[in-house]
Amino acid sequence: MIRITYHHLQKRTTSLLHSSRACFIRFSSSYASTIKPSLNLKSIMENQEIVAQNIINRKAKADVSLFSELYDKFRSLSRESDEIRQKRNANTESMKKLNKNKGASADERNLIISEGKSLKDRLSQIDDELTSVQSEMVKEAMKIPNETHPAVPIGDESLAKTVYKSGSIPNFSFPPEDHMSLAIKHGMVDMEAGSRTTGSKFPYMIGDGALLELGLIQWAMHRLVHKGYKPVITPDIINTTLVEGCGFVPRGSSSQIYNVEGQDLSLIATSEISLASMYAGQIIPSELLPIKLVGFSHCYRAEAGGG
């Protein structure tokens, strides 16, 4: 699949689960070096019943109760970590005062040194556990789907509603054919070759079919460039942490992302991932906003039943 995506970076409003505002808790230093998805964890905790019902409605494989347990454990460990750090600071100050006191006994010195070592060991243990719990917590949060709009019917396609119609359906004096029938008839695609080499629904675009595809790309690009968007041809492979940071689930049975074996790299599912990642970890001055980009890329997604 080839796809053109236009991306408009600006201030965004806050939604229930996935928000431009990160959760108001401190992330451990080992995890802070990665690009984290912007998840409003606090909102999930405050709306557990709504979130649980939304999981059922969207038939997602997520467990808000498990997330809640991990969140509470993470908060508890964070508080304990902060308390021990405060005690370590106090221990350090006591040691400084002791060093200035020439009359301090060896027992006093050994007691403070022993206490400092004990606090250091306990802090290391807690931080290791904190990192593990945090990783599991974010992993569970990533399984939770976005909030469903209240107007969306819950059920199969038979319950779908027509929201808007544009134009009218034309009447032909002959039996109309769909685009695939016309493309095969005029030798614009070779589906059999695609089936032999790759699998079903993977066509070879040939002759006028290839030119038509390239022409449509140019047409779409020029339309958006004239609206002020800057064209970008993006990488097709990107760091997996950036894929996750953009809100995609790069691992697991429900993932639509293809991963590069043995490396922390993934094939992009849309150029939006590459476009957003251009600015990962950077602070953009407000006077440079909005940044308007139009990206061109291949899109690799494992879509069940997709054509």
C-alpha atoms as a PDB file:
ATOM      1  CA  MET A   1       0.000   0.000   0.000  1.00  0.00           C
ATOM      2  CA  ILE A   2       1.178   3.513  -0.820  1.00  0.00           C
ATOM      3  CA  ARG A   3      -0.354   6.368   1.074  1.00  0.00           C
ATOM      4  CA  ILE A   4      -0.111  10.135   1.217  1.00  0.00           C
ATOM      5  CA  THR A   5      -0.686  11.618   4.648  1.00  0.00           C
ATOM      6  CA  TYR A   6      -0.906  15.256   5.590  1.00  0.00           C
ATOM      7  CA  HIS A   7       0.058  16.187   9.131  1.00  0.00           C
ATOM      8  CA  HIS A   8      -0.687  19.417  10.963  1.00  0.00           C
ATOM      9  CA  LEU A   9       1.289  19.908  14.186  1.00  0.00           C
ATOM     10  CA  GLN A  10      -0.420  22.328  16.537  1.00  0.00           C
ATOM     11  CA  LYS A  11      -2.020  22.516  19.980  1.00  0.00           C
ATOM     12  CA  ARG A  12      -4.570  19.741  20.480  1.00  0.00           C
ATOM     13  CA  THR A  13      -7.552  19.392  22.779  1.00  0.00           C
ATOM     14  CA  THR A  14      -7.524  16.800  25.557  1.00  0.00           C
ATOM     15  CA  SER A  15      -9.437  13.539  25.074  1.00  0.00           C
ATOM     16  CA  LEU A  16     -10.330  10.968  27.700  1.00  0.00           C
ATOM     17  CA  LEU A  17      -7.553   8.428  27.203  1.00  0.00           C
ATOM     18  CA  HIS A  18      -4.961   9.565  24.689  1.00  0.00           C
ATOM     19  CA  SER A  19      -4.083  13.143  25.434  1.00  0.00           C
ATOM     20  CA  SER A  20      -1.518  15.785  24.632  1.00  0.00           C
ATOM     21  CA  ARG A  21      -1.085  15.990  28.400  1.00  0.00           C
ATOM     22  CA  ALA A  22       0.917  13.144  29.878  1.00  0.00           C
ATOM     23  CA  CYS A  23      -0.069  11.451  33.128  1.00  0.00           C
ATOM     24  CA  PHE A  24       0.858  13.596  36.112  1.00  0.00           C
ATOM     25  CA  ILE A  25       3.284  11.095  37.649  1.00  0.00           C
ATOM     26  CA  ARG A  26       7.069  10.828  37.554  1.00  0.00           C
ATOM     27  CA  PHE A  27       8.503   8.209  35.204  1.00  0.00           C
ATOM     28  CA  SER A  28      11.644   6.391  36.298  1.00  0.00           C
ATOM     29  CA  SER A  29      14.891   7.563  34.702  1.00  0.00           C
ATOM     30  CA  SER A  30      15.554   4.359  32.747  1.00  0.00           C
ATOM     31  CA  TYR A  31      12.220   4.686  30.941  1.00  0.00           C
ATOM     32  CA  ALA A  32      12.392   8.448  30.482  1.00  0.00           C
ATOM     33  CA  SER A  33      15.038   8.080  27.772  1.00  0.00           C
ATOM     34  CA  THR A  34      12.462   6.495  25.435  1.00  0.00           C
ATOM     35  CA  ILE A  35       9.670   8.313  23.593  1.00  0.00           C
ATOM     36  CA  LYS A  36       6.520   7.552  25.562  1.00  0.00           C
ATOM     37  CA  PRO A  37       2.982   7.479  24.171  1.00  0.00           C
ATOM     38  CA  SER A  38       0.924  10.347  25.569  1.00  0.00           C
ATOM     39  CA  LEU A  39      -1.521   8.465  27.777  1.00  0.00           C
ATOM     40  CA  ASN A  40      -3.786  10.126  30.299  1.00  0.00           C
ATOM     41  CA  LEU A  41      -3.431   7.393  32.923  1.00  0.00           C
ATOM     42  CA  LYS A  42      -5.102   9.485  35.596  1.00  0.00           C
ATOM     43  CA  SER A  43      -8.216   9.817  33.448  1.00  0.00           C
ATOM     44  CA  ILE A  44      -8.397   6.039  32.976  1.00  0.00           C
ATOM     45  CA  MET A  45      -8.331   5.594  36.756  1.00  0.00           C
ATOM     46  CA  GLU A  46     -11.051   8.207  37.271  1.00  0.00           C
ATOM     47  CA  ASN A  47     -13.336   6.712  34.593  1.00  0.00           C
ATOM     48  CA  GLN A  48     -12.852   2.967  35.029  1.00  0.00           C
ATOM     49  CA  GLU A  49     -16.505   2.004  34.464  1.00  0.00           C
ATOM     50  CA  ILE A  50     -16.700   4.045  31.251  1.00  0.00           C
ATOM     51  CA  VAL A  51     -13.379   2.634  30.062  1.00  0.00           C
ATOM     52  CA  ALA A  52     -14.421  -0.948  30.874  1.00  0.00           C
ATOM     53  CA  GLN A  53     -17.687  -0.556  28.933  1.00  0.00           C
ATOM     54  CA  ASN A  54     -15.840   0.969  25.988  1.00  0.00           C
ATOM     55  CA  ILE A  55     -13.492  -2.040  25.958  1.00  0.00           C
ATOM     56  CA  ILE A  56     -16.528  -4.333  25.733  1.00  0.00           C
ATOM     57  CA  ASN A  57     -18.175  -2.213  23.025  1.00  0.00           C
ATOM     58  CA  ARG A  58     -15.037  -2.209  20.889  1.00  0.00           C
ATOM     59  CA  LYS A  59     -14.293  -5.891  21.592  1.00  0.00           C
ATOM     60  CA  ALA A  60     -10.766  -5.010  22.652  1.00  0.00           C
ATOM     61  CA  LYS A  61      -8.450  -7.308  24.582  1.00  0.00           C
ATOM     62  CA  ALA A  62      -7.748  -5.052  27.535  1.00  0.00           C
ATOM     63  CA  ASP A  63      -8.140  -5.334  31.308  1.00  0.00           C
ATOM     64  CA  VAL A  64      -8.798  -2.072  33.124  1.00  0.00           C
ATOM     65  CA  SER A  65      -8.727  -3.873  36.499  1.00  0.00           C
ATOM     66  CA  LEU A  66      -5.199  -5.128  35.868  1.00  0.00           C
ATOM     67  CA  PHE A  67      -4.169  -1.645  34.768  1.00  0.00           C
ATOM     68  CA  SER A  68      -5.679  -0.223  37.979  1.00  0.00           C
ATOM     69  CA  GLU A  69      -3.675  -2.651  40.138  1.00  0.00           C
ATOM     70  CA  LEU A  70      -0.446  -1.769  38.327  1.00  0.00           C
ATOM     71  CA  TYR A  71      -1.194   1.949  38.549  1.00  0.00           C
ATOM     72  CA  ASP A  72      -1.767   1.772  42.324  1.00  0.00           C
ATOM     73  CA  LYS A  73       1.404  -0.277  42.760  1.00  0.00           C
ATOM     74  CA  PHE A  74       3.364   2.180  40.644  1.00  0.00           C
ATOM     75  CA  ARG A  75       2.120   5.143  42.683  1.00  0.00           C
ATOM     76  CA  SER A  76       2.947   3.330  45.935  1.00  0.00           C
ATOM     77  CA  LEU A  77       6.477   2.485  44.791  1.00  0.00           C
ATOM     78  CA  SER A  78       6.962   6.058  43.544  1.00  0.00           C
ATOM     79  CA  ARG A  79       6.025   7.445  46.946  1.00  0.00           C
ATOM     80  CA  GLU A  80       8.338   4.983  48.703  1.00  0.00           C
ATOM     81  CA  SER A  81      11.149   5.876  46.306  1.00  0.00           C
ATOM     82  CA  ASP A  82      10.665   9.587  47.040  1.00  0.00           C
ATOM     83  CA  GLU A  83      10.651   8.959  50.792  1.00  0.00           C
ATOM     84  CA  ILE A  84      13.897   6.982  50.639  1.00  0.00           C
ATOM     85  CA  ARG A  85      15.532   9.693  48.551  1.00  0.00           C
ATOM     86  CA  GLN A  86      14.600  12.209  51.208  1.00  0.00           C
ATOM     87  CA  LYS A  87      16.109   9.950  53.880  1.00  0.00           C
ATOM     88  CA  ARG A  88      19.279   9.572  51.778  1.00  0.00           C
ATOM     89  CA  ASN A  89      19.558  13.334  51.499  1.00  0.00           C
ATOM     90  CA  ALA A  90      19.143  13.634  55.263  1.00  0.00           C
ATOM     91  CA  ASN A  91      21.751  10.880  55.759  1.00  0.00           C
ATOM     92  CA  THR A  92      24.185  12.765  53.508  1.00  0.00           C
ATOM     93  CA  GLU A  93      23.652  15.958  55.505  1.00  0.00           C
ATOM     94  CA  SER A  94      24.233  14.044  58.755  1.00  0.00           C
ATOM     95  CA  MET A  95      27.503  12.690  57.358  1.00  0.00           C
ATOM     96  CA  LYS A  96      28.634  16.205  56.403  1.00  0.00           C
ATOM     97  CA  LYS A  97      27.909  17.483  59.919  1.00  0.00           C
ATOM     98  CA  LEU A  98      29.694  14.482  61.425  1.00  0.00           C
ATOM     99  CA  ASN A  99      32.800  15.161  59.345  1.00  0.00           C
ATOM    100  CA  LYS A 100      32.904  18.689  60.763  1.00  0.00           C
ATOM    101  CA  ASN A 101      32.540  17.365  64.325  1.00  0.00           C
ATOM    102  CA  LYS A 102      36.030  16.253  65.368  1.00  0.00           C
ATOM    103  CA  GLY A 103      34.665  14.789  68.565  1.00  0.00           C
ATOM    104  CA  ALA A 104      32.315  12.321  66.815  1.00  0.00           C
ATOM    105  CA  SER A 105      32.835   8.697  67.761  1.00  0.00           C
ATOM    106  CA  ALA A 106      33.564   5.823  65.373  1.00  0.00           C
ATOM    107  CA  ASP A 107      30.262   4.208  66.351  1.00  0.00           C
ATOM    108  CA  GLU A 108      28.338   7.315  65.266  1.00  0.00           C
ATOM    109  CA  ARG A 109      30.178   7.370  61.945  1.00  0.00           C
ATOM    110  CA  ASN A 110      29.654   3.640  61.314  1.00  0.00           C
ATOM    111  CA  LEU A 111      25.942   3.954  62.124  1.00  0.00           C
ATOM    112  CA  ILE A 112      25.418   6.720  59.547  1.00  0.00           C
ATOM    113  CA  ILE A 113      27.514   4.865  56.939  1.00  0.00           C
ATOM    114  CA  SER A 114      25.522   1.670  57.529  1.00  0.00           C
ATOM    115  CA  GLU A 115      22.233   3.541  57.281  1.00  0.00           C
ATOM    116  CA  GLY A 116      23.348   5.193  54.030  1.00  0.00           C
ATOM    117  CA  LYS A 117      24.320   1.858  52.493  1.00  0.00           C
ATOM    118  CA  SER A 118      21.004   0.308  53.530  1.00  0.00           C
ATOM    119  CA  LEU A 119      19.071   3.206  51.980  1.00  0.00           C
ATOM    120  CA  LYS A 120      21.105   2.966  48.767  1.00  0.00           C
ATOM    121  CA  ASP A 121      20.458  -0.782  48.433  1.00  0.00           C
ATOM    122  CA  ARG A 122      16.733  -0.382  49.141  1.00  0.00           C
ATOM    123  CA  LEU A 123      16.434   2.478  46.637  1.00  0.00           C
ATOM    124  CA  SER A 124      18.124   0.399  43.943  1.00  0.00           C
ATOM    125  CA  GLN A 125      15.716  -2.476  44.639  1.00  0.00           C
ATOM    126  CA  ILE A 126      12.655  -0.210  44.509  1.00  0.00           C
ATOM    127  CA  ASP A 127      13.761   1.531  41.312  1.00  0.00           C
ATOM    128  CA  ASP A 128      14.244  -1.837  39.584  1.00  0.00           C
ATOM    129  CA  GLU A 129      10.755  -2.882  40.656  1.00  0.00           C
ATOM    130  CA  LEU A 130       9.388   0.532  39.700  1.00  0.00           C
ATOM    131  CA  THR A 131      10.788   0.232  36.180  1.00  0.00           C
ATOM    132  CA  SER A 132       9.268  -3.228  35.761  1.00  0.00           C
ATOM    133  CA  VAL A 133       5.841  -2.209  37.084  1.00  0.00           C
ATOM    134  CA  GLN A 134       5.854   0.964  35.007  1.00  0.00           C
ATOM    135  CA  SER A 135       6.631  -0.979  31.835  1.00  0.00           C
ATOM    136  CA  GLU A 136       3.746  -3.403  32.509  1.00  0.00           C
ATOM    137  CA  MET A 137       1.411  -0.530  33.393  1.00  0.00           C
ATOM    138  CA  VAL A 138       2.085   1.322  30.132  1.00  0.00           C
ATOM    139  CA  LYS A 139       1.807  -1.963  28.221  1.00  0.00           C
ATOM    140  CA  GLU A 140      -1.678  -2.557  29.663  1.00  0.00           C
ATOM    141  CA  ALA A 141      -2.695   1.068  29.073  1.00  0.00           C
ATOM    142  CA  MET A 142      -1.704   0.762  25.419  1.00  0.00           C
ATOM    143  CA  LYS A 143      -4.231  -2.052  25.015  1.00  0.00           C
ATOM    144  CA  ILE A 144      -7.084   0.221  26.069  1.00  0.00           C
ATOM    145  CA  PRO A 145      -8.846   1.642  22.984  1.00  0.00           C
ATOM    146  CA  ASN A 146      -9.619   5.312  22.455  1.00  0.00           C
ATOM    147  CA  GLU A 147     -12.926   6.628  23.683  1.00  0.00           C
ATOM    148  CA  THR A 148     -15.816   5.962  21.307  1.00  0.00           C
ATOM    149  CA  HIS A 149     -17.954   8.911  20.266  1.00  0.00           C
ATOM    150  CA  PRO A 150     -21.416   8.695  21.887  1.00  0.00           C
ATOM    151  CA  ALA A 151     -23.114   8.966  18.474  1.00  0.00           C
ATOM    152  CA  VAL A 152     -21.417   5.802  17.152  1.00  0.00           C
ATOM    153  CA  PRO A 153     -23.839   2.814  17.073  1.00  0.00           C
ATOM    154  CA  ILE A 154     -22.678  -0.226  19.039  1.00  0.00           C
ATOM    155  CA  GLY A 155     -22.890  -3.370  16.924  1.00  0.00           C
ATOM    156  CA  ASP A 156     -22.213  -4.707  13.431  1.00  0.00           C
ATOM    157  CA  GLU A 157     -22.397  -2.962  10.047  1.00  0.00           C
ATOM    158  CA  SER A 158     -26.179  -3.390   9.893  1.00  0.00           C
ATOM    159  CA  LEU A 159     -26.470  -0.662  12.550  1.00  0.00           C
ATOM    160  CA  ALA A 160     -24.330   1.824  10.640  1.00  0.00           C
ATOM    161  CA  LYS A 161     -25.983   5.184   9.934  1.00  0.00           C
ATOM    162  CA  THR A 162     -25.536   7.463   6.942  1.00  0.00           C
ATOM    163  CA  VAL A 163     -24.206  10.733   8.333  1.00  0.00           C
ATOM    164  CA  TYR A 164     -23.660  12.712   5.144  1.00  0.00           C
ATOM    165  CA  LYS A 165     -24.217  12.353   1.397  1.00  0.00           C
ATOM    166  CA  SER A 166     -22.440  14.327  -1.299  1.00  0.00           C
ATOM    167  CA  GLY A 167     -23.724  14.420  -4.882  1.00  0.00           C
ATOM    168  CA  SER A 168     -26.005  11.830  -6.436  1.00  0.00           C
ATOM    169  CA  ILE A 169     -25.569   8.295  -7.767  1.00  0.00           C
ATOM    170  CA  PRO A 170     -25.355   8.456 -11.599  1.00  0.00           C
ATOM    171  CA  ASN A 171     -27.497   6.322 -13.896  1.00  0.00           C
ATOM    172  CA  PHE A 172     -25.624   4.522 -16.677  1.00  0.00           C
ATOM    173  CA  SER A 173     -26.992   3.218 -19.976  1.00  0.00           C
ATOM    174  CA  PHE A 174     -24.792   0.142 -19.523  1.00  0.00           C
ATOM    175  CA  PRO A 175     -23.888  -2.205 -16.653  1.00  0.00           C
ATOM    176  CA  PRO A 176     -21.163  -0.318 -14.707  1.00  0.00           C
ATOM    177  CA  GLU A 177     -17.977  -2.112 -13.665  1.00  0.00           C
ATOM    178  CA  ASP A 178     -15.904  -1.451 -10.553  1.00  0.00           C
ATOM    179  CA  HIS A 179     -12.345  -0.129 -10.679  1.00  0.00           C
ATOM    180  CA  MET A 180     -10.738  -3.549 -10.330  1.00  0.00           C
ATOM    181  CA  SER A 181     -12.702  -5.054 -13.224  1.00  0.00           C
ATOM    182  CA  LEU A 182     -11.790  -2.111 -15.433  1.00  0.00           C
ATOM    183  CA  ALA A 183      -8.123  -2.250 -14.410  1.00  0.00           C
ATOM    184  CA  ILE A 184      -7.851  -5.977 -15.212  1.00  0.00           C
ATOM    185  CA  LYS A 185      -9.728  -5.576 -18.516  1.00  0.00           C
ATOM    186  CA  HIS A 186      -7.351  -2.844 -19.679  1.00  0.00           C
ATOM    187  CA  GLY A 187      -4.164  -4.574 -18.498  1.00  0.00           C
ATOM    188  CA  MET A 188      -3.442  -2.026 -15.776  1.00  0.00           C
ATOM    189  CA  VAL A 189      -2.910  -4.619 -13.027  1.00  0.00           C
ATOM    190  CA  ASP A 190      -1.696  -8.215 -12.853  1.00  0.00           C
ATOM    191  CA  MET A 191      -3.348  -9.941  -9.905  1.00  0.00           C
ATOM    192  CA  GLU A 192      -2.164 -13.455 -10.847  1.00  0.00           C
ATOM    193  CA  ALA A 193       1.506 -12.448 -10.771  1.00  0.00           C
ATOM    194  CA  GLY A 194       0.954 -10.828  -7.380  1.00  0.00           C
ATOM    195  CA  SER A 195      -0.661 -13.987  -6.039  1.00  0.00           C
ATOM    196  CA  ARG A 196       2.255 -16.112  -7.238  1.00  0.00           C
ATOM    197  CA  THR A 197       4.954 -13.876  -5.823  1.00  0.00           C
ATOM    198  CA  THR A 198       3.414 -12.396  -2.696  1.00  0.00           C
ATOM    199  CA  GLY A 199      -0.136 -13.533  -1.968  1.00  0.00           C
ATOM    200  CA  SER A 200      -3.725 -12.657  -2.740  1.00  0.00           C
ATOM    201  CA  LYS A 201      -4.698  -8.980  -3.084  1.00  0.00           C
ATOM    202  CA  PHE A 202      -1.147  -7.863  -3.921  1.00  0.00           C
ATOM    203  CA  PRO A 203      -1.277  -6.471  -7.489  1.00  0.00           C
ATOM    204  CA  TYR A 204       1.432  -5.556  -9.950  1.00  0.00           C
ATOM    205  CA  MET A 205       0.585  -2.107 -11.345  1.00  0.00           C
ATOM    206  CA  ILE A 206       1.445  -2.224 -15.046  1.00  0.00           C
ATOM    207  CA  GLY A 207       1.570   0.310 -17.895  1.00  0.00           C
ATOM    208  CA  ASP A 208      -1.232   2.834 -17.597  1.00  0.00           C
ATOM    209  CA  GLY A 209      -1.978   1.468 -14.125  1.00  0.00           C
ATOM    210  CA  ALA A 210       1.508   2.414 -12.921  1.00  0.00           C
ATOM    211  CA  LEU A 211       1.294   5.828 -14.616  1.00  0.00           C
ATOM    212  CA  LEU A 212      -2.151   6.417 -13.105  1.00  0.00           C
ATOM    213  CA  GLU A 213      -0.821   5.656  -9.618  1.00  0.00           C
ATOM    214  CA  LEU A 214       2.119   8.039 -10.057  1.00  0.00           C
ATOM    215  CA  GLY A 215      -0.210  10.672 -11.515  1.00  0.00           C
ATOM    216  CA  LEU A 216      -2.576  10.457  -8.549  1.00  0.00           C
ATOM    217  CA  ILE A 217       0.373  10.842  -6.168  1.00  0.00           C
ATOM    218  CA  GLN A 218       1.541  13.960  -8.000  1.00  0.00           C
ATOM    219  CA  TRP A 219      -2.003  15.366  -8.089  1.00  0.00           C
ATOM    220  CA  ALA A 220      -2.503  14.870  -4.333  1.00  0.00           C
ATOM    221  CA  MET A 221       0.939  16.276  -3.511  1.00  0.00           C
ATOM    222  CA  HIS A 222       0.427  19.409  -5.604  1.00  0.00           C
ATOM    223  CA  ARG A 223      -3.023  20.023  -4.113  1.00  0.00           C
ATOM    224  CA  LEU A 224      -1.579  20.048  -0.585  1.00  0.00           C
ATOM    225  CA  VAL A 225       1.587  21.958  -1.497  1.00  0.00           C
ATOM    226  CA  HIS A 226      -0.637  24.732  -2.867  1.00  0.00           C
ATOM    227  CA  LYS A 227      -2.345  24.815   0.553  1.00  0.00           C
ATOM    228  CA  GLY A 228       0.972  25.470   2.268  1.00  0.00           C
ATOM    229  CA  TYR A 229       2.095  21.946   3.172  1.00  0.00           C
ATOM    230  CA  LYS A 230       5.756  20.992   2.763  1.00  0.00           C
ATOM    231  CA  PRO A 231       6.287  17.648   0.917  1.00  0.00           C
ATOM    232  CA  VAL A 232       8.304  14.958   2.704  1.00  0.00           C
ATOM    233  CA  ILE A 233       9.323  11.469   1.532  1.00  0.00           C
ATOM    234  CA  THR A 234       9.687   9.563   4.792  1.00  0.00           C
ATOM    235  CA  PRO A 235      11.677   6.467   5.847  1.00  0.00           C
ATOM    236  CA  ASP A 236       9.748   3.183   5.665  1.00  0.00           C
ATOM    237  CA  ILE A 237      11.553   1.781   8.739  1.00  0.00           C
ATOM    238  CA  ILE A 238      11.637   3.503  12.108  1.00  0.00           C
ATOM    239  CA  ASN A 239      12.609   2.884  15.733  1.00  0.00           C
ATOM    240  CA  THR A 240       9.969   0.785  17.489  1.00  0.00           C
ATOM    241  CA  THR A 241       9.823   3.121  20.502  1.00  0.00           C
ATOM    242  CA  LEU A 242       8.750   5.914  18.142  1.00  0.00           C
ATOM    243  CA  VAL A 243       5.988   3.702  16.732  1.00  0.00           C
ATOM    244  CA  GLU A 244       4.763   3.151  20.284  1.00  0.00           C
ATOM    245  CA  GLY A 245       5.123   6.837  21.077  1.00  0.00           C
ATOM    246  CA  CYS A 246       2.753   7.633  18.205  1.00  0.00           C
ATOM    247  CA  GLY A 247       0.065   5.481  19.810  1.00  0.00           C
ATOM    248  CA  PHE A 248       0.489   2.287  17.794  1.00  0.00           C
ATOM    249  CA  VAL A 249       0.884  -1.128  19.439  1.00  0.00           C
ATOM    250  CA  PRO A 250       4.068  -2.574  17.879  1.00  0.00           C
ATOM    251  CA  ARG A 251       3.985  -5.952  19.646  1.00  0.00           C
ATOM    252  CA  GLY A 252       1.460  -8.643  20.507  1.00  0.00           C
ATOM    253  CA  SER A 253      -1.253 -10.638  18.754  1.00  0.00           C
ATOM    254  CA  SER A 254      -3.434  -7.579  18.083  1.00  0.00           C
ATOM    255  CA  SER A 255      -0.637  -5.549  16.476  1.00  0.00           C
ATOM    256  CA  GLN A 256      -0.842  -4.554  12.818  1.00  0.00           C
ATOM    257  CA  ILE A 257       2.833  -3.547  12.784  1.00  0.00           C
ATOM    258  CA  TYR A 258       5.574  -5.558  11.069  1.00  0.00           C
ATOM    259  CA  ASN A 259       8.820  -5.697  13.061  1.00  0.00           C
ATOM    260  CA  VAL A 260      12.404  -6.207  11.858  1.00  0.00           C
ATOM    261  CA  GLU A 261      13.629  -9.406  13.500  1.00  0.00           C
ATOM    262  CA  GLY A 262      16.501  -8.963  15.928  1.00  0.00           C
ATOM    263  CA  GLN A 263      16.377  -5.161  15.845  1.00  0.00           C
ATOM    264  CA  ASP A 264      14.363  -2.463  17.599  1.00  0.00           C
ATOM    265  CA  LEU A 265      12.935  -1.361  14.243  1.00  0.00           C
ATOM    266  CA  SER A 266       9.481  -1.554  12.663  1.00  0.00           C
ATOM    267  CA  LEU A 267       7.985  -0.979   9.214  1.00  0.00           C
ATOM    268  CA  ILE A 268       5.739   2.073   9.310  1.00  0.00           C
ATOM    269  CA  ALA A 269       1.957   1.631   8.991  1.00  0.00           C
ATOM    270  CA  THR A 270       1.511   5.233   7.831  1.00  0.00           C
ATOM    271  CA  SER A 271       3.779   8.171   7.089  1.00  0.00           C
ATOM    272  CA  GLU A 272       2.209   9.948  10.087  1.00  0.00           C
ATOM    273  CA  ILE A 273       4.589   7.919  12.281  1.00  0.00           C
ATOM    274  CA  SER A 274       7.657   9.143  10.422  1.00  0.00           C
ATOM    275  CA  LEU A 275       6.368  12.712  10.209  1.00  0.00           C
ATOM    276  CA  ALA A 276       5.638  12.963  13.939  1.00  0.00           C
ATOM    277  CA  SER A 277       8.968  11.298  14.763  1.00  0.00           C
ATOM    278  CA  MET A 278      10.865  14.025  12.902  1.00  0.00           C
ATOM    279  CA  TYR A 279      10.263  16.201  15.963  1.00  0.00           C
ATOM    280  CA  ALA A 280      10.535  13.554  18.695  1.00  0.00           C
ATOM    281  CA  GLY A 281      12.270  14.858  21.799  1.00  0.00           C
ATOM    282  CA  GLN A 282      12.449  18.417  20.465  1.00  0.00           C
ATOM    283  CA  ILE A 283      10.882  21.579  21.850  1.00  0.00           C
ATOM    284  CA  ILE A 284       9.316  23.576  19.019  1.00  0.00           C
ATOM    285  CA  PRO A 285       9.078  27.359  19.547  1.00  0.00           C
ATOM    286  CA  SER A 286       5.459  28.503  19.346  1.00  0.00           C
ATOM    287  CA  GLU A 287       6.291  31.046  16.635  1.00  0.00           C
ATOM    288  CA  LEU A 288       7.183  28.148  14.277  1.00  0.00           C
ATOM    289  CA  LEU A 289       3.739  26.567  14.676  1.00  0.00           C
ATOM    290  CA  PRO A 290       1.781  25.307  12.904  1.00  0.00           C
ATOM    291  CA  ILE A 291       4.123  22.968  11.019  1.00  0.00           C
ATOM    292  CA  LYS A 292       2.315  21.705   7.918  1.00  0.00           C
ATOM    293  CA  LEU A 293       3.748  18.586   6.273  1.00  0.00           C
ATOM    294  CA  VAL A 294       2.534  16.199   3.585  1.00  0.00           C
ATOM    295  CA  GLY A 295       4.267  12.831   3.673  1.00  0.00           C
ATOM    296  CA  PHE A 296       4.604  10.124   1.053  1.00  0.00           C
ATOM    297  CA  SER A 297       5.461   6.552   2.012  1.00  0.00           C
ATOM    298  CA  HIS A 298       4.666   2.902   1.642  1.00  0.00           C
ATOM    299  CA  CYS A 299       2.367   1.655   4.407  1.00  0.00           C
ATOM    300  CA  TYR A 300       2.900  -1.790   5.901  1.00  0.00           C
ATOM    301  CA  ARG A 301      -0.040  -3.101   7.941  1.00  0.00           C
ATOM    302  CA  ALA A 302      -1.226  -6.593   8.759  1.00  0.00           C
ATOM    303  CA  GLU A 303      -4.930  -5.988   8.185  1.00  0.00           C
ATOM    304  CA  ALA A 304      -7.109  -9.072   8.465  1.00  0.00           C
ATOM    305  CA  GLY A 305      -9.423  -9.241   5.460  1.00  0.00           C
ATOM    306  CA  GLY A 306      -8.023  -6.012   4.022  1.00  0.00           C
ATOM    307  CA  GLY A 307      -7.883  -5.530   0.289  1.00  0.00           C
END
